[in-house]
Amino acid sequence: MDMWLAIVLILLALIGGLAGGFFIARKYMMDYFEKNPPIDENMLRMMMMQMGQKPSERKINQMMSQMKTQQKSKSTKNKKK
């Protein structure tokens, strides 16, 4: 009986550790991407030039603000869940 109890406790600790690690890593990555977005103005400028568009500062600022508002709306939806 003691052997089964030990196995069950080990499995419960393993499952709890995996779940806790997943949620901690998820929270860390969400905070990291919120503070350090993967696309910055220079990358956006290069992408527009590759698509054949002449990037003006107004267009770049507009696209960056749209991306930020979209990112904030996603993060608020995730927090409500």
Protein backbone atom coordinates (compact mmCIF):
# COMPACT_ATOMS: atom_id res chain seq x y z
CA MET A 1 0.00 0.00 0.00
CA ASP A 2 2.84 2.39 0.78
CA MET A 3 4.38 1.81 -2.64
CA TRP A 4 1.16 2.85 -4.43
CA LEU A 5 0.87 5.95 -2.29
CA ALA A 6 4.43 6.93 -3.17
CA ILE A 7 3.78 6.41 -6.90
CA VAL A 8 0.56 8.45 -6.78
CA LEU A 9 2.26 11.29 -4.90
CA ILE A 10 5.16 11.32 -7.36
CA LEU A 11 2.76 11.44 -10.31
CA LEU A 12 0.72 14.22 -8.70
CA ALA A 13 3.88 16.23 -8.02
CA LEU A 14 5.02 15.70 -11.62
CA ILE A 15 1.68 16.80 -13.07
CA GLY A 16 1.51 19.80 -10.72
CA GLY A 17 5.06 20.81 -11.61
CA LEU A 18 4.38 20.56 -15.34
CA ALA A 19 1.19 22.60 -15.09
CA GLY A 20 2.79 25.22 -12.86
CA GLY A 21 5.84 25.47 -15.11
CA PHE A 22 3.67 25.86 -18.20
CA PHE A 23 1.63 28.72 -16.73
CA ILE A 24 4.68 30.50 -15.31
CA ALA A 25 6.50 30.25 -18.65
CA ARG A 26 3.38 31.43 -20.51
CA LYS A 27 3.03 34.47 -18.24
CA TYR A 28 6.74 35.29 -18.60
CA MET A 29 6.62 35.13 -22.40
CA MET A 30 3.46 37.23 -22.61
CA ASP A 31 5.07 39.92 -20.44
CA TYR A 32 8.30 39.72 -22.47
CA PHE A 33 6.53 40.18 -25.82
CA GLU A 34 4.44 43.00 -24.40
CA LYS A 35 7.58 44.87 -23.35
CA ASN A 36 9.66 43.86 -26.40
CA PRO A 37 7.43 43.55 -29.46
CA PRO A 38 8.92 41.35 -32.16
CA ILE A 39 8.37 43.97 -34.90
CA ASP A 40 9.86 47.43 -34.62
CA GLU A 41 9.80 50.43 -36.94
CA ASN A 42 12.92 49.46 -38.89
CA MET A 43 11.56 45.99 -39.63
CA LEU A 44 8.24 47.49 -40.68
CA ARG A 45 10.04 49.94 -42.96
CA MET A 46 12.02 47.12 -44.59
CA MET A 47 8.88 45.01 -45.11
CA MET A 48 7.10 47.90 -46.80
CA MET A 49 10.07 48.52 -49.07
CA GLN A 50 10.15 44.84 -50.04
CA MET A 51 6.45 45.01 -50.93
CA GLY A 52 7.17 47.93 -53.24
CA GLN A 53 5.69 50.67 -51.07
CA LYS A 54 7.51 53.83 -50.16
CA PRO A 55 7.25 53.99 -46.37
CA SER A 56 6.46 57.42 -44.99
CA GLU A 57 6.78 58.21 -41.30
CA ARG A 58 3.04 58.75 -41.09
CA LYS A 59 2.29 55.27 -42.48
CA ILE A 60 4.83 53.64 -40.18
CA ASN A 61 3.53 55.44 -37.10
CA GLN A 62 -0.04 54.54 -38.06
CA MET A 63 0.80 50.86 -38.49
CA MET A 64 2.77 50.74 -35.23
CA SER A 65 -0.11 52.32 -33.31
CA GLN A 66 -2.55 49.84 -34.87
CA MET A 67 -0.33 46.94 -33.87
CA LYS A 68 -0.03 48.25 -30.32
CA THR A 69 -3.77 48.73 -29.91
CA GLN A 70 -4.41 45.27 -31.33
CA GLN A 71 -1.85 43.79 -28.95
CA LYS A 72 -3.43 45.59 -25.98
CA SER A 73 -6.91 44.42 -26.93
CA LYS A 74 -5.67 40.82 -27.11
CA SER A 75 -3.96 41.10 -23.74
CA THR A 76 -7.10 42.50 -22.11
CA LYS A 77 -9.17 39.68 -23.61
CA ASN A 78 -6.70 37.13 -22.24
CA LYS A 79 -6.82 38.69 -18.78
CA LYS A 80 -10.63 38.56 -18.71
CA LYS A 81 -10.61 34.82 -19.40
